[in-house]
Every structure is written in C-alpha cells, then in structure tokens.
Amino acid sequence: MLNRIYLVVSLIHQFTQDGIHTYLTSILTSQFISNVPSAVLLSKFSADFTSIYYGVSIGGLGTLVASLANLLAYKQVSLNASHVSGKFLKDFTFINLILLLVLSLLKIILI
C-alpha cells in the first residue's frame, strides 16, 4: 500500500541510495510500521539486504510498534499485570530507546 504513494516511493528511493542511508531508513521505518513490514517495503527499493537486515533488526528496538514481539509483550503485561502496565511501558520505552541509540551508533561506527 505505501509503495503506491508517489511521495513515499520518491522518499524511499532517495533514502536508499547507499548502505548508511538504507540502514538508517530501515531503523526509522521500523519505528512506525514495524520491522518485518519495513524489511518487505525496503527490499523493493534496495538490493542492499545487509543494510536492511541490520536496520530492521536494530530497528525492532525503540517503540512498541517497532516489533510485533514488543506489542505482544505489552499486551500480556496489560492483561496479566495491568497495575504495572504504565510503569512497564515507561521503562520498556526508555530502555529500548537507549539500546536503539547505542546499537545504531555502534553499527554506524563499524560500517
């Protein structure tokens, strides 16, 4: 669906011209549409599968949406321990954003 919107297609083409941009685009798109759909979307625009793989793997950190596993974990906490779901969400987001930042930068340094 997103690959039919001209603006989206144009931006993705622009941001997948080299390895570092493909990597960063994979991380960013994972934060909004989850890491698996992000990999599928970006693989249609770039043959740099290594950068996509690293980007969506690291991009699975961050927001709840970044990975389906994140959403499933939060759902279980909210169902089985609703009294701590707010604290879980706050701690989860903080830890994941720190890990996302550290691992993203580490991979950039190693590229």
N, C-alpha and C. Protein backbone atom coordinates (compact mmCIF):
# COMPACT_ATOMS: atom_id res chain seq x y z
N MET A 1 0.82 -1.18 0.00
CA MET A 1 0.00 0.00 0.00
C MET A 1 0.87 1.26 0.00
N LEU A 2 1.87 1.34 0.90
CA LEU A 2 2.74 2.51 0.94
C LEU A 2 3.54 2.66 -0.35
N ASN A 3 3.86 1.52 -1.00
CA ASN A 3 4.67 1.61 -2.21
C ASN A 3 3.87 2.10 -3.42
N ARG A 4 2.61 2.47 -3.22
CA ARG A 4 1.79 3.06 -4.29
C ARG A 4 1.66 4.57 -4.15
N ILE A 5 2.15 5.11 -3.06
CA ILE A 5 2.07 6.55 -2.83
C ILE A 5 3.35 7.19 -3.37
N TYR A 6 3.18 8.08 -4.34
CA TYR A 6 4.33 8.66 -5.04
C TYR A 6 5.32 9.30 -4.09
N LEU A 7 4.86 10.08 -3.14
CA LEU A 7 5.76 10.75 -2.20
C LEU A 7 6.58 9.74 -1.41
N VAL A 8 5.94 8.68 -0.94
CA VAL A 8 6.64 7.64 -0.19
C VAL A 8 7.69 6.96 -1.07
N VAL A 9 7.30 6.60 -2.29
CA VAL A 9 8.22 5.94 -3.21
C VAL A 9 9.42 6.84 -3.50
N SER A 10 9.15 8.10 -3.75
CA SER A 10 10.22 9.05 -4.03
C SER A 10 11.18 9.19 -2.85
N LEU A 11 10.63 9.30 -1.65
CA LEU A 11 11.48 9.43 -0.47
C LEU A 11 12.30 8.17 -0.22
N ILE A 12 11.68 7.02 -0.37
CA ILE A 12 12.41 5.77 -0.14
C ILE A 12 13.53 5.61 -1.15
N HIS A 13 13.26 5.92 -2.40
CA HIS A 13 14.34 5.88 -3.41
C HIS A 13 15.48 6.81 -3.02
N GLN A 14 15.14 7.98 -2.56
CA GLN A 14 16.15 8.96 -2.17
C GLN A 14 16.96 8.49 -0.97
N PHE A 15 16.31 7.83 -0.03
CA PHE A 15 16.97 7.44 1.21
C PHE A 15 17.55 6.02 1.19
N THR A 16 17.57 5.38 0.06
CA THR A 16 18.17 4.05 -0.04
C THR A 16 19.24 4.00 -1.12
N GLN A 17 19.93 5.10 -1.30
CA GLN A 17 20.95 5.19 -2.34
C GLN A 17 22.28 4.55 -1.95
N ASP A 18 22.54 4.46 -0.66
CA ASP A 18 23.78 3.82 -0.21
C ASP A 18 23.52 3.07 1.10
N GLY A 19 24.53 2.36 1.57
CA GLY A 19 24.37 1.49 2.73
C GLY A 19 23.95 2.19 3.99
N ILE A 20 24.58 3.31 4.30
CA ILE A 20 24.28 4.00 5.56
C ILE A 20 22.87 4.56 5.54
N HIS A 21 22.46 5.12 4.41
CA HIS A 21 21.10 5.67 4.32
C HIS A 21 20.05 4.56 4.34
N THR A 22 20.34 3.44 3.70
CA THR A 22 19.42 2.30 3.72
C THR A 22 19.29 1.78 5.15
N TYR A 23 20.40 1.69 5.85
CA TYR A 23 20.42 1.25 7.24
C TYR A 23 19.57 2.16 8.12
N LEU A 24 19.81 3.47 8.03
CA LEU A 24 19.07 4.43 8.85
C LEU A 24 17.59 4.47 8.48
N THR A 25 17.29 4.35 7.20
CA THR A 25 15.89 4.32 6.76
C THR A 25 15.19 3.08 7.29
N SER A 26 15.90 1.95 7.35
CA SER A 26 15.33 0.72 7.90
C SER A 26 14.99 0.88 9.37
N ILE A 27 15.88 1.52 10.10
CA ILE A 27 15.62 1.76 11.52
C ILE A 27 14.42 2.68 11.69
N LEU A 28 14.41 3.77 10.95
CA LEU A 28 13.33 4.75 11.09
C LEU A 28 11.97 4.18 10.69
N THR A 29 11.90 3.50 9.56
CA THR A 29 10.61 2.95 9.14
C THR A 29 10.12 1.87 10.10
N SER A 30 11.06 1.16 10.72
CA SER A 30 10.67 0.13 11.70
C SER A 30 9.94 0.73 12.89
N GLN A 31 10.24 1.96 13.22
CA GLN A 31 9.61 2.61 14.36
C GLN A 31 8.13 2.92 14.12
N PHE A 32 7.75 2.97 12.84
CA PHE A 32 6.38 3.37 12.50
C PHE A 32 5.52 2.26 11.91
N ILE A 33 6.16 1.32 11.19
CA ILE A 33 5.36 0.26 10.56
C ILE A 33 5.82 -1.14 10.97
N SER A 34 6.68 -1.24 11.97
CA SER A 34 7.22 -2.50 12.47
C SER A 34 8.34 -2.99 11.58
N ASN A 35 9.18 -3.84 12.14
CA ASN A 35 10.40 -4.21 11.43
C ASN A 35 10.18 -5.17 10.26
N VAL A 36 9.27 -6.10 10.35
CA VAL A 36 9.06 -7.04 9.24
C VAL A 36 8.44 -6.34 8.03
N PRO A 37 7.35 -5.57 8.20
CA PRO A 37 6.83 -4.83 7.04
C PRO A 37 7.86 -3.84 6.48
N SER A 38 8.68 -3.28 7.34
CA SER A 38 9.72 -2.37 6.88
C SER A 38 10.71 -3.09 5.98
N ALA A 39 11.10 -4.29 6.37
CA ALA A 39 12.03 -5.08 5.53
C ALA A 39 11.41 -5.40 4.18
N VAL A 40 10.15 -5.78 4.18
CA VAL A 40 9.46 -6.09 2.93
C VAL A 40 9.38 -4.85 2.04
N LEU A 41 8.98 -3.73 2.63
CA LEU A 41 8.85 -2.49 1.87
C LEU A 41 10.19 -2.07 1.26
N LEU A 42 11.23 -2.01 2.07
CA LEU A 42 12.52 -1.51 1.60
C LEU A 42 13.22 -2.45 0.63
N SER A 43 12.95 -3.74 0.73
CA SER A 43 13.59 -4.69 -0.18
C SER A 43 13.14 -4.48 -1.62
N LYS A 44 12.03 -3.80 -1.83
CA LYS A 44 11.56 -3.48 -3.17
C LYS A 44 12.31 -2.29 -3.77
N PHE A 45 13.05 -1.56 -2.94
CA PHE A 45 13.73 -0.35 -3.38
C PHE A 45 15.25 -0.45 -3.32
N SER A 46 15.76 -1.41 -2.61
CA SER A 46 17.21 -1.52 -2.44
C SER A 46 17.64 -2.99 -2.46
N ALA A 47 18.76 -3.23 -3.10
CA ALA A 47 19.32 -4.58 -3.11
C ALA A 47 20.36 -4.74 -1.99
N ASP A 48 20.52 -3.72 -1.16
CA ASP A 48 21.48 -3.77 -0.06
C ASP A 48 20.81 -4.46 1.14
N PHE A 49 20.66 -5.77 1.00
CA PHE A 49 19.93 -6.53 2.02
C PHE A 49 20.65 -6.58 3.35
N THR A 50 21.97 -6.45 3.35
CA THR A 50 22.71 -6.43 4.61
C THR A 50 22.32 -5.20 5.43
N SER A 51 22.28 -4.04 4.78
CA SER A 51 21.90 -2.82 5.49
C SER A 51 20.45 -2.89 5.96
N ILE A 52 19.58 -3.44 5.12
CA ILE A 52 18.18 -3.59 5.52
C ILE A 52 18.08 -4.54 6.71
N TYR A 53 18.79 -5.66 6.64
CA TYR A 53 18.74 -6.64 7.74
C TYR A 53 19.20 -6.03 9.06
N TYR A 54 20.36 -5.37 9.04
CA TYR A 54 20.84 -4.75 10.28
C TYR A 54 19.87 -3.66 10.75
N GLY A 55 19.38 -2.87 9.83
CA GLY A 55 18.48 -1.78 10.19
C GLY A 55 17.19 -2.25 10.82
N VAL A 56 16.56 -3.24 10.23
CA VAL A 56 15.28 -3.69 10.79
C VAL A 56 15.49 -4.53 12.06
N SER A 57 16.63 -5.19 12.17
CA SER A 57 16.91 -5.94 13.40
C SER A 57 17.11 -4.99 14.57
N ILE A 58 17.94 -3.99 14.37
CA ILE A 58 18.16 -2.99 15.42
C ILE A 58 16.91 -2.12 15.56
N GLY A 59 16.23 -1.88 14.45
CA GLY A 59 15.00 -1.08 14.46
C GLY A 59 13.86 -1.73 15.21
N GLY A 60 13.97 -3.01 15.53
CA GLY A 60 12.96 -3.69 16.34
C GLY A 60 12.96 -3.19 17.78
N LEU A 61 14.01 -2.46 18.13
CA LEU A 61 14.05 -1.78 19.43
C LEU A 61 13.38 -0.42 19.27
N GLY A 62 13.11 0.23 20.34
CA GLY A 62 12.53 1.57 20.27
C GLY A 62 11.10 1.59 20.72
N THR A 63 10.20 1.85 19.82
CA THR A 63 8.78 1.99 20.16
C THR A 63 8.10 0.63 20.27
N LEU A 64 6.92 0.62 20.84
CA LEU A 64 6.13 -0.62 20.89
C LEU A 64 5.85 -1.14 19.48
N VAL A 65 5.64 -0.25 18.54
CA VAL A 65 5.29 -0.64 17.17
C VAL A 65 6.49 -1.23 16.43
N ALA A 66 7.70 -0.97 16.87
CA ALA A 66 8.90 -1.38 16.15
C ALA A 66 8.96 -2.88 15.88
N SER A 67 8.35 -3.67 16.71
CA SER A 67 8.34 -5.12 16.51
C SER A 67 7.04 -5.69 17.08
N LEU A 68 6.48 -6.63 16.37
CA LEU A 68 5.27 -7.29 16.85
C LEU A 68 5.51 -7.93 18.21
N ALA A 69 6.70 -8.41 18.45
CA ALA A 69 7.02 -9.01 19.75
C ALA A 69 6.86 -7.99 20.88
N ASN A 70 7.21 -6.73 20.62
CA ASN A 70 7.03 -5.68 21.61
C ASN A 70 5.55 -5.51 21.96
N LEU A 71 4.72 -5.48 20.95
CA LEU A 71 3.28 -5.34 21.16
C LEU A 71 2.70 -6.53 21.92
N LEU A 72 3.16 -7.72 21.56
CA LEU A 72 2.68 -8.93 22.25
C LEU A 72 3.09 -8.93 23.72
N ALA A 73 4.32 -8.51 24.00
CA ALA A 73 4.78 -8.45 25.39
C ALA A 73 3.95 -7.45 26.19
N TYR A 74 3.72 -6.28 25.61
CA TYR A 74 2.91 -5.28 26.30
C TYR A 74 1.48 -5.77 26.52
N LYS A 75 0.92 -6.43 25.54
CA LYS A 75 -0.44 -6.97 25.67
C LYS A 75 -0.52 -7.94 26.84
N GLN A 76 0.48 -8.81 26.97
CA GLN A 76 0.49 -9.77 28.07
C GLN A 76 0.61 -9.08 29.42
N VAL A 77 1.46 -8.07 29.49
CA VAL A 77 1.59 -7.33 30.75
C VAL A 77 0.28 -6.64 31.09
N SER A 78 -0.34 -6.00 30.10
CA SER A 78 -1.58 -5.27 30.39
C SER A 78 -2.73 -6.21 30.76
N LEU A 79 -2.71 -7.43 30.22
CA LEU A 79 -3.75 -8.40 30.57
C LEU A 79 -3.52 -9.05 31.93
N ASN A 80 -2.25 -9.35 32.22
CA ASN A 80 -1.94 -10.15 33.42
C ASN A 80 -1.41 -9.35 34.59
N ALA A 81 -0.99 -8.13 34.35
CA ALA A 81 -0.47 -7.30 35.44
C ALA A 81 -0.78 -5.84 35.12
N SER A 82 -2.04 -5.55 34.93
CA SER A 82 -2.45 -4.21 34.49
C SER A 82 -2.00 -3.11 35.44
N HIS A 83 -1.82 -3.45 36.70
CA HIS A 83 -1.40 -2.44 37.67
C HIS A 83 0.02 -1.92 37.43
N VAL A 84 0.82 -2.64 36.67
CA VAL A 84 2.19 -2.19 36.36
C VAL A 84 2.38 -1.88 34.88
N SER A 85 1.30 -1.88 34.11
CA SER A 85 1.45 -1.69 32.66
C SER A 85 2.00 -0.31 32.32
N GLY A 86 1.62 0.71 33.06
CA GLY A 86 2.15 2.06 32.81
C GLY A 86 3.64 2.13 33.09
N LYS A 87 4.06 1.56 34.21
CA LYS A 87 5.49 1.54 34.54
C LYS A 87 6.25 0.69 33.53
N PHE A 88 5.68 -0.44 33.15
CA PHE A 88 6.32 -1.28 32.14
C PHE A 88 6.53 -0.50 30.85
N LEU A 89 5.51 0.19 30.39
CA LEU A 89 5.60 0.94 29.14
C LEU A 89 6.68 2.02 29.23
N LYS A 90 6.72 2.73 30.34
CA LYS A 90 7.73 3.77 30.54
C LYS A 90 9.14 3.17 30.56
N ASP A 91 9.34 2.14 31.36
CA ASP A 91 10.66 1.50 31.45
C ASP A 91 11.06 0.85 30.13
N PHE A 92 10.12 0.16 29.51
CA PHE A 92 10.37 -0.50 28.24
C PHE A 92 10.82 0.51 27.19
N THR A 93 10.09 1.60 27.09
CA THR A 93 10.41 2.62 26.09
C THR A 93 11.78 3.23 26.36
N PHE A 94 12.05 3.57 27.59
CA PHE A 94 13.34 4.16 27.95
C PHE A 94 14.49 3.21 27.61
N ILE A 95 14.41 1.98 28.07
CA ILE A 95 15.48 1.00 27.82
C ILE A 95 15.64 0.74 26.33
N ASN A 96 14.54 0.58 25.62
CA ASN A 96 14.60 0.30 24.19
C ASN A 96 15.18 1.46 23.40
N LEU A 97 14.82 2.68 23.75
CA LEU A 97 15.37 3.83 23.03
C LEU A 97 16.87 3.98 23.28
N ILE A 98 17.30 3.72 24.51
CA ILE A 98 18.74 3.76 24.81
C ILE A 98 19.47 2.68 24.00
N LEU A 99 18.94 1.46 24.02
CA LEU A 99 19.57 0.38 23.25
C LEU A 99 19.56 0.67 21.75
N LEU A 100 18.47 1.23 21.26
CA LEU A 100 18.38 1.60 19.85
C LEU A 100 19.46 2.61 19.49
N LEU A 101 19.62 3.62 20.31
CA LEU A 101 20.64 4.64 20.06
C LEU A 101 22.04 4.04 20.10
N VAL A 102 22.34 3.27 21.13
CA VAL A 102 23.69 2.70 21.29
C VAL A 102 24.01 1.74 20.15
N LEU A 103 23.11 0.82 19.85
CA LEU A 103 23.38 -0.16 18.80
C LEU A 103 23.42 0.48 17.42
N SER A 104 22.58 1.48 17.19
CA SER A 104 22.60 2.19 15.91
C SER A 104 23.94 2.86 15.69
N LEU A 105 24.40 3.57 16.70
CA LEU A 105 25.68 4.25 16.59
C LEU A 105 26.84 3.27 16.49
N LEU A 106 26.78 2.19 17.23
CA LEU A 106 27.83 1.18 17.16
C LEU A 106 27.95 0.60 15.76
N LYS A 107 26.83 0.30 15.16
CA LYS A 107 26.84 -0.26 13.80
C LYS A 107 27.36 0.78 12.80
N ILE A 108 26.99 2.05 12.98
CA ILE A 108 27.50 3.10 12.08
C ILE A 108 29.01 3.19 12.18
N ILE A 109 29.53 3.11 13.38
CA ILE A 109 30.98 3.17 13.58
C ILE A 109 31.67 1.99 12.91
N LEU A 110 31.01 0.83 12.94
CA LEU A 110 31.62 -0.37 12.38
C LEU A 110 31.44 -0.51 10.86
N ILE A 111 30.57 0.30 10.27
CA ILE A 111 30.33 0.19 8.82
C ILE A 111 31.55 0.57 8.05
